[in-house]
Each structure stands twice: as C-alpha cells, then as structure tokens.
C-alpha cells in the first residue's frame, strides 16, 4: 500500500514536470500621453493709460480725448496678450 502511494505520488510529480510552461508573451506598446508644459512667455507690461491722469474737474472734451488716445494703447496691449497666449499653445 505504501509502495503504491509512493508510486502514484512520484508519477504525479513527474507528470507535473512534463507539462509545458504557460505561454506568456511580453509585448511593448508605445502610448503617447500629453504632458503639460509650463509656458515661459513673459506677460507684456500693462500700458500707462492717459485716462488715469484725468481729474473730475476736467471738461468732457479732455476726458473723451484721453479715452480715444487710450483706445489705441489698449488695443495694442490686448494684441500682445493674445500673441503671448497663443505662443503657449
């Protein structure tokens, strides 16, 4: 009986060694992930507006003249801000 059990155990052990190892394949895949990059474009300095120098005692014509002069400065500043923002994309 002991001999039979020993024979069965040894046959099972040898049978386990005869099986081929599991077929594992290693595949390398390239995955492109977007990475955030900090923008190094300096912010353009804000212009000094003429309307900030106008007082409440000035007449309406002086105030309108200052606003019209500031319009071109503000448009140029906005254009430079948009250019700086687009360079970061």
N, C-alpha and C. Protein backbone atom coordinates (compact mmCIF):
# COMPACT_ATOMS: atom_id res chain seq x y z
N UNK A 1 0.80 -1.17 0.00
CA UNK A 1 0.00 0.00 0.00
C UNK A 1 0.86 1.26 0.00
N UNK A 2 1.85 1.26 0.85
CA UNK A 2 2.75 2.40 0.91
C UNK A 2 3.51 2.55 -0.39
N UNK A 3 3.84 1.40 -0.95
CA UNK A 3 4.56 1.43 -2.20
C UNK A 3 3.68 1.97 -3.33
N UNK A 4 2.43 1.63 -3.36
CA UNK A 4 1.50 2.12 -4.36
C UNK A 4 1.31 3.64 -4.22
N UNK A 5 1.17 4.09 -3.00
CA UNK A 5 1.00 5.53 -2.76
C UNK A 5 2.24 6.31 -3.20
N UNK A 6 3.40 5.73 -2.92
CA UNK A 6 4.65 6.37 -3.32
C UNK A 6 4.78 6.40 -4.83
N UNK A 7 4.34 5.35 -5.48
CA UNK A 7 4.38 5.28 -6.93
C UNK A 7 3.42 6.31 -7.55
N UNK A 8 2.25 6.46 -7.01
CA UNK A 8 1.27 7.42 -7.51
C UNK A 8 1.77 8.85 -7.32
N UNK A 9 2.33 9.13 -6.18
CA UNK A 9 2.84 10.46 -5.90
C UNK A 9 4.00 10.80 -6.83
N UNK A 10 4.89 9.84 -7.05
CA UNK A 10 6.03 10.12 -7.93
C UNK A 10 5.58 10.28 -9.38
N UNK A 11 4.58 9.49 -9.83
CA UNK A 11 4.05 9.65 -11.17
C UNK A 11 3.39 11.02 -11.35
N UNK A 12 2.66 11.47 -10.37
CA UNK A 12 2.04 12.80 -10.43
C UNK A 12 3.09 13.90 -10.44
N UNK A 13 4.14 13.72 -9.71
CA UNK A 13 5.21 14.73 -9.68
C UNK A 13 5.91 14.80 -11.03
N UNK A 14 6.17 13.65 -11.63
CA UNK A 14 6.80 13.66 -12.95
C UNK A 14 5.84 14.17 -14.03
N UNK A 15 4.58 13.88 -13.88
CA UNK A 15 3.59 14.36 -14.85
C UNK A 15 3.48 15.88 -14.80
N UNK A 16 3.64 16.45 -13.62
CA UNK A 16 3.60 17.91 -13.48
C UNK A 16 4.79 18.57 -14.15
N UNK A 17 5.94 17.89 -14.19
CA UNK A 17 7.14 18.45 -14.82
C UNK A 17 7.05 18.36 -16.34
N UNK A 18 6.23 17.45 -16.86
CA UNK A 18 6.15 17.25 -18.30
C UNK A 18 5.27 18.28 -18.98
N UNK A 19 4.46 19.00 -18.25
CA UNK A 19 3.58 19.99 -18.88
C UNK A 19 4.40 21.20 -19.30
N UNK A 20 4.09 21.78 -20.45
CA UNK A 20 4.86 22.95 -20.90
C UNK A 20 4.52 24.18 -20.04
N UNK A 21 5.46 25.08 -19.90
CA UNK A 21 5.17 26.30 -19.12
C UNK A 21 4.10 27.12 -19.83
N UNK A 22 3.37 27.92 -19.09
CA UNK A 22 2.32 28.73 -19.71
C UNK A 22 2.93 29.72 -20.71
N UNK A 23 2.23 29.90 -21.82
CA UNK A 23 2.75 30.77 -22.88
C UNK A 23 2.50 32.24 -22.57
N UNK A 24 3.48 32.89 -22.01
CA UNK A 24 3.37 34.31 -21.68
C UNK A 24 4.18 35.10 -22.70
N UNK A 25 3.51 36.03 -23.35
CA UNK A 25 4.20 36.90 -24.31
C UNK A 25 4.32 38.30 -23.72
N UNK A 26 5.48 38.85 -23.83
CA UNK A 26 5.71 40.21 -23.38
C UNK A 26 5.69 41.11 -24.61
N UNK A 27 4.74 42.06 -24.65
CA UNK A 27 4.64 42.99 -25.76
C UNK A 27 4.84 44.40 -25.24
N UNK A 28 5.71 45.13 -25.88
CA UNK A 28 5.94 46.52 -25.52
C UNK A 28 5.10 47.40 -26.42
N UNK A 29 4.29 48.25 -25.79
CA UNK A 29 3.43 49.15 -26.55
C UNK A 29 3.83 50.58 -26.24
N UNK A 30 3.79 51.41 -27.26
CA UNK A 30 4.10 52.82 -27.10
C UNK A 30 2.78 53.58 -26.96
N UNK A 31 2.62 54.27 -25.86
CA UNK A 31 1.41 55.05 -25.59
C UNK A 31 1.84 56.50 -25.45
N UNK A 32 1.27 57.35 -26.29
CA UNK A 32 1.61 58.77 -26.23
C UNK A 32 0.61 59.49 -25.33
N UNK A 33 1.14 60.12 -24.29
CA UNK A 33 0.31 60.82 -23.32
C UNK A 33 0.73 62.29 -23.34
N UNK A 34 -0.24 63.19 -23.48
CA UNK A 34 0.13 64.61 -23.46
C UNK A 34 0.59 65.02 -22.06
N UNK A 35 1.66 65.78 -22.04
CA UNK A 35 2.24 66.24 -20.77
C UNK A 35 2.17 67.76 -20.76
N UNK A 36 1.69 68.30 -19.65
CA UNK A 36 1.57 69.74 -19.54
C UNK A 36 2.95 70.37 -19.40
N UNK A 37 3.18 71.40 -20.20
CA UNK A 37 4.45 72.12 -20.17
C UNK A 37 4.16 73.55 -19.75
N UNK A 38 4.95 74.05 -18.85
CA UNK A 38 4.75 75.41 -18.38
C UNK A 38 5.16 76.41 -19.46
N UNK A 39 4.38 77.45 -19.60
CA UNK A 39 4.67 78.48 -20.59
C UNK A 39 5.71 79.44 -20.01
N UNK A 40 6.72 79.74 -20.80
CA UNK A 40 7.78 80.62 -20.33
C UNK A 40 7.76 81.97 -21.02
N UNK A 41 6.62 82.29 -21.64
CA UNK A 41 6.49 83.59 -22.30
C UNK A 41 6.19 84.65 -21.24
N UNK A 42 6.95 85.72 -21.20
CA UNK A 42 6.67 86.75 -20.19
C UNK A 42 5.39 87.51 -20.53
N UNK A 43 4.70 87.93 -19.50
CA UNK A 43 3.49 88.73 -19.68
C UNK A 43 3.90 90.15 -20.06
N UNK A 44 3.29 90.69 -21.12
CA UNK A 44 3.65 92.06 -21.50
C UNK A 44 3.20 93.05 -20.44
N UNK A 45 3.97 94.12 -20.24
CA UNK A 45 3.60 95.09 -19.20
C UNK A 45 2.36 95.87 -19.63
N UNK A 46 1.54 96.19 -18.67
CA UNK A 46 0.32 96.97 -18.94
C UNK A 46 0.71 98.41 -19.28
N UNK A 47 0.02 99.01 -20.24
CA UNK A 47 0.36 100.39 -20.61
C UNK A 47 -0.14 101.38 -19.56
N UNK A 48 0.51 102.52 -19.50
CA UNK A 48 0.07 103.60 -18.62
C UNK A 48 -1.00 104.38 -19.40
N UNK A 49 -2.22 104.37 -18.89
CA UNK A 49 -3.34 104.99 -19.59
C UNK A 49 -3.47 106.46 -19.23
N UNK A 50 -3.82 107.25 -20.24
CA UNK A 50 -3.96 108.69 -20.03
C UNK A 50 -5.20 109.02 -19.21
N UNK A 51 -6.21 108.19 -19.30
CA UNK A 51 -7.45 108.48 -18.58
C UNK A 51 -7.27 108.42 -17.07
N UNK A 52 -6.27 107.72 -16.60
CA UNK A 52 -5.99 107.66 -15.16
C UNK A 52 -5.50 109.01 -14.64
N UNK A 53 -4.99 109.85 -15.52
CA UNK A 53 -4.47 111.16 -15.11
C UNK A 53 -5.53 112.25 -15.15
N UNK A 54 -6.69 111.94 -15.73
CA UNK A 54 -7.76 112.94 -15.85
C UNK A 54 -8.44 113.11 -14.50
N UNK A 55 -8.72 114.34 -14.15
CA UNK A 55 -9.40 114.63 -12.89
C UNK A 55 -10.88 114.88 -13.13
N UNK A 56 -11.63 114.96 -12.06
CA UNK A 56 -13.08 115.21 -12.20
C UNK A 56 -13.37 116.65 -12.61
N UNK A 57 -12.42 117.54 -12.45
CA UNK A 57 -12.63 118.93 -12.83
C UNK A 57 -12.42 119.16 -14.33
N UNK A 58 -11.82 118.23 -15.04
CA UNK A 58 -11.59 118.40 -16.48
C UNK A 58 -12.92 118.35 -17.23
N UNK A 59 -12.96 119.07 -18.34
CA UNK A 59 -14.19 119.09 -19.12
C UNK A 59 -14.35 117.78 -19.90
N UNK A 60 -15.53 117.61 -20.51
CA UNK A 60 -15.86 116.36 -21.20
C UNK A 60 -14.97 116.15 -22.42
N UNK A 61 -14.53 117.18 -23.07
CA UNK A 61 -13.69 117.05 -24.25
C UNK A 61 -12.31 116.49 -23.90
N UNK A 62 -11.77 116.90 -22.79
CA UNK A 62 -10.48 116.38 -22.33
C UNK A 62 -10.59 114.90 -21.98
N UNK A 63 -11.72 114.55 -21.34
CA UNK A 63 -11.93 113.14 -20.96
C UNK A 63 -12.08 112.26 -22.20
N UNK A 64 -12.84 112.73 -23.19
CA UNK A 64 -13.04 111.95 -24.41
C UNK A 64 -11.73 111.83 -25.19
N UNK A 65 -10.96 112.89 -25.22
CA UNK A 65 -9.67 112.84 -25.91
C UNK A 65 -8.74 111.83 -25.25
N UNK A 66 -8.74 111.78 -23.92
CA UNK A 66 -7.91 110.81 -23.20
C UNK A 66 -8.40 109.39 -23.47
N UNK A 67 -9.71 109.18 -23.52
CA UNK A 67 -10.25 107.85 -23.80
C UNK A 67 -9.90 107.39 -25.21
N UNK A 68 -9.98 108.30 -26.18
CA UNK A 68 -9.65 107.93 -27.56
C UNK A 68 -8.16 107.60 -27.70
N UNK A 69 -7.32 108.33 -26.99
CA UNK A 69 -5.89 108.04 -27.03
C UNK A 69 -5.58 106.68 -26.36
N UNK A 70 -6.34 106.39 -25.31
CA UNK A 70 -6.12 105.13 -24.60
C UNK A 70 -6.63 103.93 -25.38
N UNK A 71 -7.55 104.15 -26.29
CA UNK A 71 -8.12 103.04 -27.07
C UNK A 71 -7.02 102.34 -27.87
N UNK A 72 -6.17 103.10 -28.53
CA UNK A 72 -5.08 102.51 -29.31
C UNK A 72 -4.08 101.77 -28.41
N UNK A 73 -3.80 102.35 -27.24
CA UNK A 73 -2.90 101.68 -26.29
C UNK A 73 -3.50 100.35 -25.82
N UNK A 74 -4.80 100.39 -25.52
CA UNK A 74 -5.46 99.18 -25.02
C UNK A 74 -5.54 98.10 -26.11
N UNK A 75 -5.81 98.48 -27.34
CA UNK A 75 -5.85 97.51 -28.43
C UNK A 75 -4.47 96.89 -28.67
N UNK A 76 -3.43 97.68 -28.58
CA UNK A 76 -2.07 97.14 -28.73
C UNK A 76 -1.72 96.20 -27.60
N UNK A 77 -2.15 96.54 -26.39
CA UNK A 77 -1.88 95.68 -25.23
C UNK A 77 -2.63 94.36 -25.36
N UNK A 78 -3.88 94.42 -25.80
CA UNK A 78 -4.66 93.20 -25.98
C UNK A 78 -4.05 92.31 -27.08
N UNK A 79 -3.54 92.92 -28.12
CA UNK A 79 -2.91 92.16 -29.19
C UNK A 79 -1.66 91.44 -28.69
N UNK A 80 -0.88 92.12 -27.87
CA UNK A 80 0.33 91.48 -27.32
C UNK A 80 -0.03 90.38 -26.33
N UNK A 81 -1.13 90.55 -25.59
CA UNK A 81 -1.58 89.48 -24.67
C UNK A 81 -2.03 88.24 -25.44
N UNK A 82 -2.78 88.47 -26.53
CA UNK A 82 -3.24 87.34 -27.33
C UNK A 82 -2.05 86.63 -27.98
N UNK A 83 -1.06 87.39 -28.43
CA UNK A 83 0.14 86.78 -29.02
C UNK A 83 0.89 85.96 -27.98
N UNK A 84 0.99 86.46 -26.76
CA UNK A 84 1.68 85.71 -25.69
C UNK A 84 0.91 84.45 -25.34
N UNK A 85 -0.41 84.55 -25.33
CA UNK A 85 -1.23 83.38 -25.01
C UNK A 85 -1.13 82.32 -26.11
N UNK A 86 -1.14 82.75 -27.37
CA UNK A 86 -1.06 81.80 -28.48
C UNK A 86 0.31 81.14 -28.58
N UNK A 87 1.35 81.80 -28.09
CA UNK A 87 2.67 81.18 -28.14
C UNK A 87 2.80 80.05 -27.13
N UNK A 88 1.92 79.99 -26.13
CA UNK A 88 1.96 78.93 -25.12
C UNK A 88 1.22 77.68 -25.56
N UNK A 89 0.49 77.75 -26.65
CA UNK A 89 -0.29 76.58 -27.09
C UNK A 89 0.56 75.63 -27.87
